[in-house]
Amino acid sequence: MKALFLQYAKCSTCVKAKKWLEANNIAYEDRPIVEQPPTQEELKQWVEKSGLPLKKFFNTSGMVYKSLNLKDKLPSMTEEEQYALLALDGKLVKRPIIVQEDLVLVGFNEEQWQQLKN
């Protein structure tokens, strides 16, 4: 089964991750995160599979995150509100994300991504 690779073409980390996938012969389906942001349902499944807290799915260094002052607003938002917000704008979502049947990785960490080879 192909992995789902969500990325933003202008993101240098995403470009590195894509090169790594290709160098390691890992089949993937490429999905542009801005044009096709994850749905709330996808995000809920991915958060659960990843074992990460929801806040790790936010692109905290992004312009949209900063312009919306989410650093201060997120703690008082419900999980549902956070999921809805992430599903609205792909630029709010930390990238790249790689999704396999039982594995979800957020951000590119070559050591973690070695798991994709198994």
PDB file of N, CA and C in Angstrom:
ATOM      1  N   MET A   1       0.837  -1.194   0.000  1.00  0.00           N
ATOM      2  CA  MET A   1       0.000   0.000   0.000  1.00  0.00           C
ATOM      3  C   MET A   1       0.876   1.248   0.000  1.00  0.00           C
ATOM      4  N   LYS A   2       0.524   2.206  -0.844  1.00  0.00           N
ATOM      5  CA  LYS A   2       1.273   3.452  -0.918  1.00  0.00           C
ATOM      6  C   LYS A   2       1.016   4.305   0.321  1.00  0.00           C
ATOM      7  N   ALA A   3       2.047   5.012   0.733  1.00  0.00           N
ATOM      8  CA  ALA A   3       1.897   5.979   1.817  1.00  0.00           C
ATOM      9  C   ALA A   3       1.259   7.241   1.242  1.00  0.00           C
ATOM     10  N   LEU A   4       0.556   7.973   2.072  1.00  0.00           N
ATOM     11  CA  LEU A   4       0.005   9.266   1.674  1.00  0.00           C
ATOM     12  C   LEU A   4       0.980  10.322   2.169  1.00  0.00           C
ATOM     13  N   PHE A   5       1.469  11.144   1.264  1.00  0.00           N
ATOM     14  CA  PHE A   5       2.470  12.164   1.577  1.00  0.00           C
ATOM     15  C   PHE A   5       1.854  13.536   1.364  1.00  0.00           C
ATOM     16  N   LEU A   6       1.608  14.249   2.456  1.00  0.00           N
ATOM     17  CA  LEU A   6       1.044  15.597   2.367  1.00  0.00           C
ATOM     18  C   LEU A   6       2.186  16.594   2.488  1.00  0.00           C
ATOM     19  N   GLN A   7       2.252  17.485   1.503  1.00  0.00           N
ATOM     20  CA  GLN A   7       3.373  18.417   1.484  1.00  0.00           C
ATOM     21  C   GLN A   7       2.983  19.736   0.822  1.00  0.00           C
ATOM     22  N   TYR A   8       3.861  20.710   0.997  1.00  0.00           N
ATOM     23  CA  TYR A   8       3.708  22.026   0.384  1.00  0.00           C
ATOM     24  C   TYR A   8       4.954  22.222  -0.469  1.00  0.00           C
ATOM     25  N   ALA A   9       4.783  22.404  -1.764  1.00  0.00           N
ATOM     26  CA  ALA A   9       5.899  22.438  -2.708  1.00  0.00           C
ATOM     27  C   ALA A   9       6.959  23.497  -2.378  1.00  0.00           C
ATOM     28  N   LYS A  10       6.566  24.603  -1.747  1.00  0.00           N
ATOM     29  CA  LYS A  10       7.522  25.680  -1.444  1.00  0.00           C
ATOM     30  C   LYS A  10       8.216  25.478  -0.094  1.00  0.00           C
ATOM     31  N   CYS A  11       7.940  24.351   0.552  1.00  0.00           N
ATOM     32  CA  CYS A  11       8.523  24.055   1.866  1.00  0.00           C
ATOM     33  C   CYS A  11       9.811  23.255   1.674  1.00  0.00           C
ATOM     34  N   SER A  12      10.946  23.795   2.117  1.00  0.00           N
ATOM     35  CA  SER A  12      12.231  23.116   1.912  1.00  0.00           C
ATOM     36  C   SER A  12      12.284  21.785   2.650  1.00  0.00           C
ATOM     37  N   THR A  13      11.642  21.685   3.808  1.00  0.00           N
ATOM     38  CA  THR A  13      11.625  20.424   4.556  1.00  0.00           C
ATOM     39  C   THR A  13      10.837  19.372   3.781  1.00  0.00           C
ATOM     40  N   CYS A  14       9.749  19.784   3.151  1.00  0.00           N
ATOM     41  CA  CYS A  14       8.948  18.851   2.349  1.00  0.00           C
ATOM     42  C   CYS A  14       9.753  18.342   1.151  1.00  0.00           C
ATOM     43  N   VAL A  15      10.535  19.226   0.539  1.00  0.00           N
ATOM     44  CA  VAL A  15      11.364  18.846  -0.605  1.00  0.00           C
ATOM     45  C   VAL A  15      12.393  17.802  -0.161  1.00  0.00           C
ATOM     46  N   LYS A  16      13.017  18.039   1.008  1.00  0.00           N
ATOM     47  CA  LYS A  16      13.985  17.070   1.557  1.00  0.00           C
ATOM     48  C   LYS A  16      13.317  15.722   1.807  1.00  0.00           C
ATOM     49  N   ALA A  17      12.126  15.762   2.397  1.00  0.00           N
ATOM     50  CA  ALA A  17      11.396  14.532   2.722  1.00  0.00           C
ATOM     51  C   ALA A  17      11.056  13.756   1.448  1.00  0.00           C
ATOM     52  N   LYS A  18      10.639  14.480   0.419  1.00  0.00           N
ATOM     53  CA  LYS A  18      10.277  13.842  -0.854  1.00  0.00           C
ATOM     54  C   LYS A  18      11.499  13.162  -1.470  1.00  0.00           C
ATOM     55  N   LYS A  19      12.646  13.859  -1.430  1.00  0.00           N
ATOM     56  CA  LYS A  19      13.882  13.272  -1.958  1.00  0.00           C
ATOM     57  C   LYS A  19      14.251  12.014  -1.160  1.00  0.00           C
ATOM     58  N   TRP A  20      14.048  12.060   0.146  1.00  0.00           N
ATOM     59  CA  TRP A  20      14.352  10.913   0.997  1.00  0.00           C
ATOM     60  C   TRP A  20      13.456   9.724   0.626  1.00  0.00           C
ATOM     61  N   LEU A  21      12.163   9.984   0.430  1.00  0.00           N
ATOM     62  CA  LEU A  21      11.224   8.916   0.043  1.00  0.00           C
ATOM     63  C   LEU A  21      11.672   8.269  -1.269  1.00  0.00           C
ATOM     64  N   GLU A  22      12.040   9.106  -2.225  1.00  0.00           N
ATOM     65  CA  GLU A  22      12.450   8.591  -3.534  1.00  0.00           C
ATOM     66  C   GLU A  22      13.762   7.823  -3.435  1.00  0.00           C
ATOM     67  N   ALA A  23      14.712   8.336  -2.671  1.00  0.00           N
ATOM     68  CA  ALA A  23      16.012   7.672  -2.503  1.00  0.00           C
ATOM     69  C   ALA A  23      15.867   6.314  -1.816  1.00  0.00           C
ATOM     70  N   ASN A  24      14.814   6.186  -0.987  1.00  0.00           N
ATOM     71  CA  ASN A  24      14.595   4.945  -0.245  1.00  0.00           C
ATOM     72  C   ASN A  24      13.515   4.061  -0.879  1.00  0.00           C
ATOM     73  N   ASN A  25      13.144   4.403  -2.114  1.00  0.00           N
ATOM     74  CA  ASN A  25      12.170   3.605  -2.878  1.00  0.00           C
ATOM     75  C   ASN A  25      10.873   3.343  -2.119  1.00  0.00           C
ATOM     76  N   ILE A  26      10.355   4.375  -1.489  1.00  0.00           N
ATOM     77  CA  ILE A  26       9.095   4.239  -0.763  1.00  0.00           C
ATOM     78  C   ILE A  26       7.982   4.814  -1.642  1.00  0.00           C
ATOM     79  N   ALA A  27       7.035   3.960  -1.981  1.00  0.00           N
ATOM     80  CA  ALA A  27       5.923   4.377  -2.843  1.00  0.00           C
ATOM     81  C   ALA A  27       4.997   5.292  -2.057  1.00  0.00           C
ATOM     82  N   TYR A  28       4.588   6.373  -2.684  1.00  0.00           N
ATOM     83  CA  TYR A  28       3.692   7.305  -2.008  1.00  0.00           C
ATOM     84  C   TYR A  28       2.773   7.999  -2.995  1.00  0.00           C
ATOM     85  N   GLU A  29       1.660   8.453  -2.445  1.00  0.00           N
ATOM     86  CA  GLU A  29       0.713   9.274  -3.198  1.00  0.00           C
ATOM     87  C   GLU A  29       0.930  10.700  -2.719  1.00  0.00           C
ATOM     88  N   ASP A  30       1.241  11.584  -3.638  1.00  0.00           N
ATOM     89  CA  ASP A  30       1.557  12.975  -3.317  1.00  0.00           C
ATOM     90  C   ASP A  30       0.265  13.792  -3.218  1.00  0.00           C
ATOM     91  N   ARG A  31       0.120  14.533  -2.119  1.00  0.00           N
ATOM     92  CA  ARG A  31      -1.082  15.364  -1.949  1.00  0.00           C
ATOM     93  C   ARG A  31      -0.671  16.756  -1.479  1.00  0.00           C
ATOM     94  N   PRO A  32      -0.971  17.773  -2.284  1.00  0.00           N
ATOM     95  CA  PRO A  32      -0.630  19.143  -1.895  1.00  0.00           C
ATOM     96  C   PRO A  32      -1.531  19.605  -0.736  1.00  0.00           C
ATOM     97  N   ILE A  33      -0.913  19.929   0.379  1.00  0.00           N
ATOM     98  CA  ILE A  33      -1.656  20.205   1.614  1.00  0.00           C
ATOM     99  C   ILE A  33      -2.467  21.502   1.560  1.00  0.00           C
ATOM    100  N   VAL A  34      -2.018  22.466   0.752  1.00  0.00           N
ATOM    101  CA  VAL A  34      -2.745  23.741   0.675  1.00  0.00           C
ATOM    102  C   VAL A  34      -3.989  23.590  -0.204  1.00  0.00           C
ATOM    103  N   GLU A  35      -3.821  22.928  -1.355  1.00  0.00           N
ATOM    104  CA  GLU A  35      -4.944  22.745  -2.279  1.00  0.00           C
ATOM    105  C   GLU A  35      -5.930  21.690  -1.773  1.00  0.00           C
ATOM    106  N   GLN A  36      -5.426  20.699  -1.053  1.00  0.00           N
ATOM    107  CA  GLN A  36      -6.277  19.618  -0.536  1.00  0.00           C
ATOM    108  C   GLN A  36      -5.986  19.406   0.952  1.00  0.00           C
ATOM    109  N   PRO A  37      -6.409  20.362   1.791  1.00  0.00           N
ATOM    110  CA  PRO A  37      -6.128  20.217   3.229  1.00  0.00           C
ATOM    111  C   PRO A  37      -6.836  18.989   3.806  1.00  0.00           C
ATOM    112  N   PRO A  38      -6.254  18.439   4.864  1.00  0.00           N
ATOM    113  CA  PRO A  38      -6.889  17.280   5.485  1.00  0.00           C
ATOM    114  C   PRO A  38      -8.258  17.646   6.056  1.00  0.00           C
ATOM    115  N   THR A  39      -9.164  16.696   6.023  1.00  0.00           N
ATOM    116  CA  THR A  39     -10.488  16.921   6.607  1.00  0.00           C
ATOM    117  C   THR A  39     -10.393  16.736   8.127  1.00  0.00           C
ATOM    118  N   GLN A  40     -11.427  17.178   8.825  1.00  0.00           N
ATOM    119  CA  GLN A  40     -11.463  16.986  10.272  1.00  0.00           C
ATOM    120  C   GLN A  40     -11.386  15.502  10.614  1.00  0.00           C
ATOM    121  N   GLU A  41     -12.083  14.680   9.844  1.00  0.00           N
ATOM    122  CA  GLU A  41     -12.100  13.245  10.112  1.00  0.00           C
ATOM    123  C   GLU A  41     -10.714  12.635   9.910  1.00  0.00           C
ATOM    124  N   GLU A  42     -10.046  13.030   8.820  1.00  0.00           N
ATOM    125  CA  GLU A  42      -8.680  12.539   8.586  1.00  0.00           C
ATOM    126  C   GLU A  42      -7.769  12.944   9.746  1.00  0.00           C
ATOM    127  N   LEU A  43      -7.858  14.201  10.133  1.00  0.00           N
ATOM    128  CA  LEU A  43      -7.007  14.696  11.222  1.00  0.00           C
ATOM    129  C   LEU A  43      -7.231  13.918  12.517  1.00  0.00           C
ATOM    130  N   LYS A  44      -8.491  13.642  12.816  1.00  0.00           N
ATOM    131  CA  LYS A  44      -8.795  12.888  14.044  1.00  0.00           C
ATOM    132  C   LYS A  44      -8.159  11.499  13.991  1.00  0.00           C
ATOM    133  N   GLN A  45      -8.262  10.836  12.850  1.00  0.00           N
ATOM    134  CA  GLN A  45      -7.660   9.509  12.694  1.00  0.00           C
ATOM    135  C   GLN A  45      -6.134   9.589  12.816  1.00  0.00           C
ATOM    136  N   TRP A  46      -5.551  10.597  12.188  1.00  0.00           N
ATOM    137  CA  TRP A  46      -4.095  10.727  12.178  1.00  0.00           C
ATOM    138  C   TRP A  46      -3.541  11.062  13.557  1.00  0.00           C
ATOM    139  N   VAL A  47      -4.235  11.922  14.280  1.00  0.00           N
ATOM    140  CA  VAL A  47      -3.789  12.265  15.635  1.00  0.00           C
ATOM    141  C   VAL A  47      -3.786  11.002  16.493  1.00  0.00           C
ATOM    142  N   GLU A  48      -4.859  10.226  16.369  1.00  0.00           N
ATOM    143  CA  GLU A  48      -4.962   8.988  17.145  1.00  0.00           C
ATOM    144  C   GLU A  48      -3.837   8.008  16.775  1.00  0.00           C
ATOM    145  N   LYS A  49      -3.619   7.802  15.466  1.00  0.00           N
ATOM    146  CA  LYS A  49      -2.589   6.860  15.013  1.00  0.00           C
ATOM    147  C   LYS A  49      -1.183   7.322  15.369  1.00  0.00           C
ATOM    148  N   SER A  50      -0.970   8.638  15.361  1.00  0.00           N
ATOM    149  CA  SER A  50       0.378   9.172  15.587  1.00  0.00           C
ATOM    150  C   SER A  50       0.797   9.077  17.050  1.00  0.00           C
ATOM    151  N   GLY A  51      -0.208   9.102  17.943  1.00  0.00           N
ATOM    152  CA  GLY A  51       0.108   9.128  19.368  1.00  0.00           C
ATOM    153  C   GLY A  51       0.563  10.509  19.837  1.00  0.00           C
ATOM    154  N   LEU A  52       0.499  11.482  18.955  1.00  0.00           N
ATOM    155  CA  LEU A  52       0.923  12.847  19.287  1.00  0.00           C
ATOM    156  C   LEU A  52      -0.264  13.675  19.767  1.00  0.00           C
ATOM    157  N   PRO A  53       0.007  14.697  20.591  1.00  0.00           N
ATOM    158  CA  PRO A  53      -1.084  15.600  20.957  1.00  0.00           C
ATOM    159  C   PRO A  53      -1.487  16.433  19.740  1.00  0.00           C
ATOM    160  N   LEU A  54      -2.726  16.852  19.699  1.00  0.00           N
ATOM    161  CA  LEU A  54      -3.257  17.630  18.577  1.00  0.00           C
ATOM    162  C   LEU A  54      -2.401  18.858  18.279  1.00  0.00           C
ATOM    163  N   LYS A  55      -1.880  19.505  19.307  1.00  0.00           N
ATOM    164  CA  LYS A  55      -1.114  20.737  19.081  1.00  0.00           C
ATOM    165  C   LYS A  55       0.125  20.503  18.213  1.00  0.00           C
ATOM    166  N   LYS A  56       0.623  19.264  18.144  1.00  0.00           N
ATOM    167  CA  LYS A  56       1.793  18.950  17.312  1.00  0.00           C
ATOM    168  C   LYS A  56       1.461  18.992  15.820  1.00  0.00           C
ATOM    169  N   PHE A  57       0.178  19.054  15.484  1.00  0.00           N
ATOM    170  CA  PHE A  57      -0.235  19.120  14.086  1.00  0.00           C
ATOM    171  C   PHE A  57      -0.335  20.560  13.582  1.00  0.00           C
ATOM    172  N   PHE A  58      -0.110  21.525  14.456  1.00  0.00           N
ATOM    173  CA  PHE A  58      -0.140  22.934  14.053  1.00  0.00           C
ATOM    174  C   PHE A  58       1.234  23.387  13.586  1.00  0.00           C
ATOM    175  N   ASN A  59       1.261  24.116  12.492  1.00  0.00           N
ATOM    176  CA  ASN A  59       2.490  24.692  11.961  1.00  0.00           C
ATOM    177  C   ASN A  59       2.766  25.990  12.727  1.00  0.00           C
ATOM    178  N   THR A  60       3.399  25.861  13.876  1.00  0.00           N
ATOM    179  CA  THR A  60       3.581  27.004  14.775  1.00  0.00           C
ATOM    180  C   THR A  60       4.545  28.054  14.239  1.00  0.00           C
ATOM    181  N   SER A  61       5.329  27.716  13.217  1.00  0.00           N
ATOM    182  CA  SER A  61       6.246  28.711  12.663  1.00  0.00           C
ATOM    183  C   SER A  61       5.663  29.399  11.430  1.00  0.00           C
ATOM    184  N   GLY A  62       4.443  29.027  11.069  1.00  0.00           N
ATOM    185  CA  GLY A  62       3.824  29.591   9.867  1.00  0.00           C
ATOM    186  C   GLY A  62       3.208  30.967  10.075  1.00  0.00           C
ATOM    187  N   MET A  63       3.089  31.690   8.968  1.00  0.00           N
ATOM    188  CA  MET A  63       2.539  33.049   8.983  1.00  0.00           C
ATOM    189  C   MET A  63       1.075  33.066   9.435  1.00  0.00           C
ATOM    190  N   VAL A  64       0.291  32.092   8.971  1.00  0.00           N
ATOM    191  CA  VAL A  64      -1.128  32.064   9.309  1.00  0.00           C
ATOM    192  C   VAL A  64      -1.295  31.858  10.821  1.00  0.00           C
ATOM    193  N   TYR A  65      -0.533  30.927  11.373  1.00  0.00           N
ATOM    194  CA  TYR A  65      -0.572  30.642  12.820  1.00  0.00           C
ATOM    195  C   TYR A  65      -0.274  31.919  13.606  1.00  0.00           C
ATOM    196  N   LYS A  66       0.769  32.616  13.173  1.00  0.00           N
ATOM    197  CA  LYS A  66       1.182  33.843  13.878  1.00  0.00           C
ATOM    198  C   LYS A  66       0.163  34.969  13.687  1.00  0.00           C
ATOM    199  N   SER A  67      -0.348  35.126  12.472  1.00  0.00           N
ATOM    200  CA  SER A  67      -1.289  36.219  12.213  1.00  0.00           C
ATOM    201  C   SER A  67      -2.607  36.040  12.966  1.00  0.00           C
ATOM    202  N   LEU A  68      -2.976  34.786  13.221  1.00  0.00           N
ATOM    203  CA  LEU A  68      -4.209  34.515  13.975  1.00  0.00           C
ATOM    204  C   LEU A  68      -3.972  34.498  15.482  1.00  0.00           C
ATOM    205  N   ASN A  69      -2.708  34.716  15.874  1.00  0.00           N
ATOM    206  CA  ASN A  69      -2.334  34.741  17.293  1.00  0.00           C
ATOM    207  C   ASN A  69      -2.755  33.449  18.010  1.00  0.00           C
ATOM    208  N   LEU A  70      -2.516  32.332  17.343  1.00  0.00           N
ATOM    209  CA  LEU A  70      -2.983  31.048  17.877  1.00  0.00           C
ATOM    210  C   LEU A  70      -2.206  30.586  19.105  1.00  0.00           C
ATOM    211  N   LYS A  71      -1.007  31.090  19.274  1.00  0.00           N
ATOM    212  CA  LYS A  71      -0.233  30.722  20.459  1.00  0.00           C
ATOM    213  C   LYS A  71      -1.047  31.017  21.722  1.00  0.00           C
ATOM    214  N   ASP A  72      -1.750  32.150  21.703  1.00  0.00           N
ATOM    215  CA  ASP A  72      -2.562  32.553  22.858  1.00  0.00           C
ATOM    216  C   ASP A  72      -3.974  31.976  22.812  1.00  0.00           C
ATOM    217  N   LYS A  73      -4.498  31.737  21.613  1.00  0.00           N
ATOM    218  CA  LYS A  73      -5.889  31.305  21.481  1.00  0.00           C
ATOM    219  C   LYS A  73      -6.098  29.793  21.633  1.00  0.00           C
ATOM    220  N   LEU A  74      -5.116  28.984  21.168  1.00  0.00           N
ATOM    221  CA  LEU A  74      -5.294  27.525  21.178  1.00  0.00           C
ATOM    222  C   LEU A  74      -5.641  26.946  22.552  1.00  0.00           C
ATOM    223  N   PRO A  75      -4.953  27.375  23.622  1.00  0.00           N
ATOM    224  CA  PRO A  75      -5.243  26.763  24.925  1.00  0.00           C
ATOM    225  C   PRO A  75      -6.705  26.886  25.364  1.00  0.00           C
ATOM    226  N   SER A  76      -7.400  27.911  24.908  1.00  0.00           N
ATOM    227  CA  SER A  76      -8.796  28.089  25.321  1.00  0.00           C
ATOM    228  C   SER A  76      -9.799  27.536  24.303  1.00  0.00           C
ATOM    229  N   MET A  77      -9.298  26.973  23.191  1.00  0.00           N
ATOM    230  CA  MET A  77     -10.186  26.401  22.178  1.00  0.00           C
ATOM    231  C   MET A  77     -10.464  24.933  22.496  1.00  0.00           C
ATOM    232  N   THR A  78     -11.649  24.465  22.126  1.00  0.00           N
ATOM    233  CA  THR A  78     -11.969  23.046  22.286  1.00  0.00           C
ATOM    234  C   THR A  78     -11.235  22.261  21.197  1.00  0.00           C
ATOM    235  N   GLU A  79     -11.149  20.956  21.391  1.00  0.00           N
ATOM    236  CA  GLU A  79     -10.529  20.115  20.363  1.00  0.00           C
ATOM    237  C   GLU A  79     -11.282  20.228  19.049  1.00  0.00           C
ATOM    238  N   GLU A  80     -12.610  20.249  19.132  1.00  0.00           N
ATOM    239  CA  GLU A  80     -13.421  20.352  17.911  1.00  0.00           C
ATOM    240  C   GLU A  80     -13.094  21.641  17.153  1.00  0.00           C
ATOM    241  N   GLU A  81     -12.950  22.744  17.885  1.00  0.00           N
ATOM    242  CA  GLU A  81     -12.611  24.024  17.249  1.00  0.00           C
ATOM    243  C   GLU A  81     -11.225  23.951  16.606  1.00  0.00           C
ATOM    244  N   GLN A  82     -10.301  23.281  17.267  1.00  0.00           N
ATOM    245  CA  GLN A  82      -8.955  23.149  16.713  1.00  0.00           C
ATOM    246  C   GLN A  82      -8.957  22.305  15.442  1.00  0.00           C
ATOM    247  N   TYR A  83      -9.702  21.201  15.460  1.00  0.00           N
ATOM    248  CA  TYR A  83      -9.800  20.366  14.254  1.00  0.00           C
ATOM    249  C   TYR A  83     -10.425  21.154  13.102  1.00  0.00           C
ATOM    250  N   ALA A  84     -11.470  21.892  13.401  1.00  0.00           N
ATOM    251  CA  ALA A  84     -12.154  22.678  12.366  1.00  0.00           C
ATOM    252  C   ALA A  84     -11.204  23.714  11.762  1.00  0.00           C
ATOM    253  N   LEU A  85     -10.415  24.343  12.611  1.00  0.00           N
ATOM    254  CA  LEU A  85      -9.464  25.353  12.161  1.00  0.00           C
ATOM    255  C   LEU A  85      -8.399  24.729  11.255  1.00  0.00           C
ATOM    256  N   LEU A  86      -7.838  23.603  11.670  1.00  0.00           N
ATOM    257  CA  LEU A  86      -6.814  22.921  10.866  1.00  0.00           C
ATOM    258  C   LEU A  86      -7.365  22.508   9.498  1.00  0.00           C
ATOM    259  N   ALA A  87      -8.615  22.064   9.473  1.00  0.00           N
ATOM    260  CA  ALA A  87      -9.213  21.601   8.219  1.00  0.00           C
ATOM    261  C   ALA A  87      -9.513  22.763   7.264  1.00  0.00           C
ATOM    262  N   LEU A  88      -9.565  23.973   7.780  1.00  0.00           N
ATOM    263  CA  LEU A  88      -9.867  25.146   6.956  1.00  0.00           C
ATOM    264  C   LEU A  88      -8.690  25.596   6.096  1.00  0.00           C
ATOM    265  N   ASP A  89      -7.476  25.445   6.626  1.00  0.00           N
ATOM    266  CA  ASP A  89      -6.320  26.014   5.958  1.00  0.00           C
ATOM    267  C   ASP A  89      -5.114  25.078   6.063  1.00  0.00           C
ATOM    268  N   GLY A  90      -4.706  24.519   4.925  1.00  0.00           N
ATOM    269  CA  GLY A  90      -3.574  23.603   4.899  1.00  0.00           C
ATOM    270  C   GLY A  90      -2.277  24.216   5.409  1.00  0.00           C
ATOM    271  N   LYS A  91      -2.174  25.550   5.333  1.00  0.00           N
ATOM    272  CA  LYS A  91      -0.947  26.192   5.805  1.00  0.00           C
ATOM    273  C   LYS A  91      -0.846  26.195   7.329  1.00  0.00           C
ATOM    274  N   LEU A  92      -1.942  25.907   7.994  1.00  0.00           N
ATOM    275  CA  LEU A  92      -1.914  25.807   9.454  1.00  0.00           C
ATOM    276  C   LEU A  92      -1.383  24.458   9.936  1.00  0.00           C
ATOM    277  N   VAL A  93      -1.358  23.493   9.022  1.00  0.00           N
ATOM    278  CA  VAL A  93      -0.986  22.126   9.380  1.00  0.00           C
ATOM    279  C   VAL A  93       0.521  21.938   9.228  1.00  0.00           C
ATOM    280  N   LYS A  94       1.137  21.378  10.248  1.00  0.00           N
ATOM    281  CA  LYS A  94       2.574  21.089  10.182  1.00  0.00           C
ATOM    282  C   LYS A  94       2.815  20.080   9.073  1.00  0.00           C
ATOM    283  N   ARG A  95       3.883  20.283   8.361  1.00  0.00           N
ATOM    284  CA  ARG A  95       4.182  19.432   7.220  1.00  0.00           C
ATOM    285  C   ARG A  95       5.668  19.112   7.190  1.00  0.00           C
ATOM    286  N   PRO A  96       6.044  18.110   6.447  1.00  0.00           N
ATOM    287  CA  PRO A  96       5.194  17.154   5.753  1.00  0.00           C
ATOM    288  C   PRO A  96       4.541  16.175   6.732  1.00  0.00           C
ATOM    289  N   ILE A  97       3.514  15.517   6.244  1.00  0.00           N
ATOM    290  CA  ILE A  97       2.867  14.428   6.995  1.00  0.00           C
ATOM    291  C   ILE A  97       2.920  13.203   6.096  1.00  0.00           C
ATOM    292  N   ILE A  98       3.274  12.088   6.686  1.00  0.00           N
ATOM    293  CA  ILE A  98       3.235  10.834   5.936  1.00  0.00           C
ATOM    294  C   ILE A  98       2.317   9.883   6.683  1.00  0.00           C
ATOM    295  N   VAL A  99       1.402   9.256   5.932  1.00  0.00           N
ATOM    296  CA  VAL A  99       0.400   8.384   6.537  1.00  0.00           C
ATOM    297  C   VAL A  99       0.495   7.007   5.888  1.00  0.00           C
ATOM    298  N   GLN A 100       0.705   6.003   6.726  1.00  0.00           N
ATOM    299  CA  GLN A 100       0.607   4.622   6.292  1.00  0.00           C
ATOM    300  C   GLN A 100      -0.526   4.000   7.094  1.00  0.00           C
ATOM    301  N   GLU A 101      -0.808   2.743   6.819  1.00  0.00           N
ATOM    302  CA  GLU A 101      -1.939   2.091   7.467  1.00  0.00           C
ATOM    303  C   GLU A 101      -1.929   2.259   8.988  1.00  0.00           C
ATOM    304  N   ASP A 102      -0.781   2.012   9.610  1.00  0.00           N
ATOM    305  CA  ASP A 102      -0.719   2.074  11.076  1.00  0.00           C
ATOM    306  C   ASP A 102       0.344   3.041  11.592  1.00  0.00           C
ATOM    307  N   LEU A 103       0.754   3.998  10.753  1.00  0.00           N
ATOM    308  CA  LEU A 103       1.818   4.927  11.126  1.00  0.00           C
ATOM    309  C   LEU A 103       1.536   6.315  10.559  1.00  0.00           C
ATOM    310  N   VAL A 104       1.667   7.331  11.402  1.00  0.00           N
ATOM    311  CA  VAL A 104       1.541   8.715  10.953  1.00  0.00           C
ATOM    312  C   VAL A 104       2.724   9.477  11.523  1.00  0.00           C
ATOM    313  N   LEU A 105       3.490  10.119  10.632  1.00  0.00           N
ATOM    314  CA  LEU A 105       4.627  10.925  11.063  1.00  0.00           C
ATOM    315  C   LEU A 105       4.402  12.365  10.630  1.00  0.00           C
ATOM    316  N   VAL A 106       4.703  13.290  11.546  1.00  0.00           N
ATOM    317  CA  VAL A 106       4.489  14.717  11.291  1.00  0.00           C
ATOM    318  C   VAL A 106       5.837  15.415  11.346  1.00  0.00           C
ATOM    319  N   GLY A 107       6.141  16.186  10.297  1.00  0.00           N
ATOM    320  CA  GLY A 107       7.448  16.814  10.212  1.00  0.00           C
ATOM    321  C   GLY A 107       8.437  15.781   9.678  1.00  0.00           C
ATOM    322  N   PHE A 108       9.592  16.258   9.221  1.00  0.00           N
ATOM    323  CA  PHE A 108      10.571  15.322   8.668  1.00  0.00           C
ATOM    324  C   PHE A 108      11.722  15.126   9.638  1.00  0.00           C
ATOM    325  N   ASN A 109      11.814  13.896  10.139  1.00  0.00           N
ATOM    326  CA  ASN A 109      12.912  13.488  11.002  1.00  0.00           C
ATOM    327  C   ASN A 109      13.401  12.172  10.416  1.00  0.00           C
ATOM    328  N   GLU A 110      14.572  12.221   9.790  1.00  0.00           N
ATOM    329  CA  GLU A 110      15.061  11.051   9.054  1.00  0.00           C
ATOM    330  C   GLU A 110      15.103   9.800   9.925  1.00  0.00           C
ATOM    331  N   GLU A 111      15.492   9.950  11.179  1.00  0.00           N
ATOM    332  CA  GLU A 111      15.549   8.800  12.084  1.00  0.00           C
ATOM    333  C   GLU A 111      14.167   8.158  12.253  1.00  0.00           C
ATOM    334  N   GLN A 112      13.149   9.008  12.478  1.00  0.00           N
ATOM    335  CA  GLN A 112      11.784   8.488  12.619  1.00  0.00           C
ATOM    336  C   GLN A 112      11.287   7.871  11.319  1.00  0.00           C
ATOM    337  N   TRP A 113      11.628   8.494  10.216  1.00  0.00           N
ATOM    338  CA  TRP A 113      11.120   8.041   8.921  1.00  0.00           C
ATOM    339  C   TRP A 113      11.703   6.694   8.509  1.00  0.00           C
ATOM    340  N   GLN A 114      12.765   6.235   9.183  1.00  0.00           N
ATOM    341  CA  GLN A 114      13.318   4.904   8.897  1.00  0.00           C
ATOM    342  C   GLN A 114      12.245   3.832   9.095  1.00  0.00           C
ATOM    343  N   GLN A 115      11.271   4.125   9.968  1.00  0.00           N
ATOM    344  CA  GLN A 115      10.172   3.173  10.221  1.00  0.00           C
ATOM    345  C   GLN A 115       9.393   2.847   8.948  1.00  0.00           C
ATOM    346  N   LEU A 116       9.415   3.754   7.983  1.00  0.00           N
ATOM    347  CA  LEU A 116       8.660   3.559   6.737  1.00  0.00           C
ATOM    348  C   LEU A 116       9.227   2.419   5.910  1.00  0.00           C
ATOM    349  N   LYS A 117      10.471   2.069   6.140  1.00  0.00           N
ATOM    350  CA  LYS A 117      11.126   1.021   5.361  1.00  0.00           C
ATOM    351  C   LYS A 117      10.659  -0.373   5.765  1.00  0.00           C
ATOM    352  N   ASN A 118      10.126  -0.512   6.964  1.00  0.00           N
ATOM    353  CA  ASN A 118       9.719  -1.831   7.458  1.00  0.00           C
ATOM    354  C   ASN A 118       8.431  -2.319   6.813  1.00  0.00           C
TER     355      ASN A 118
END
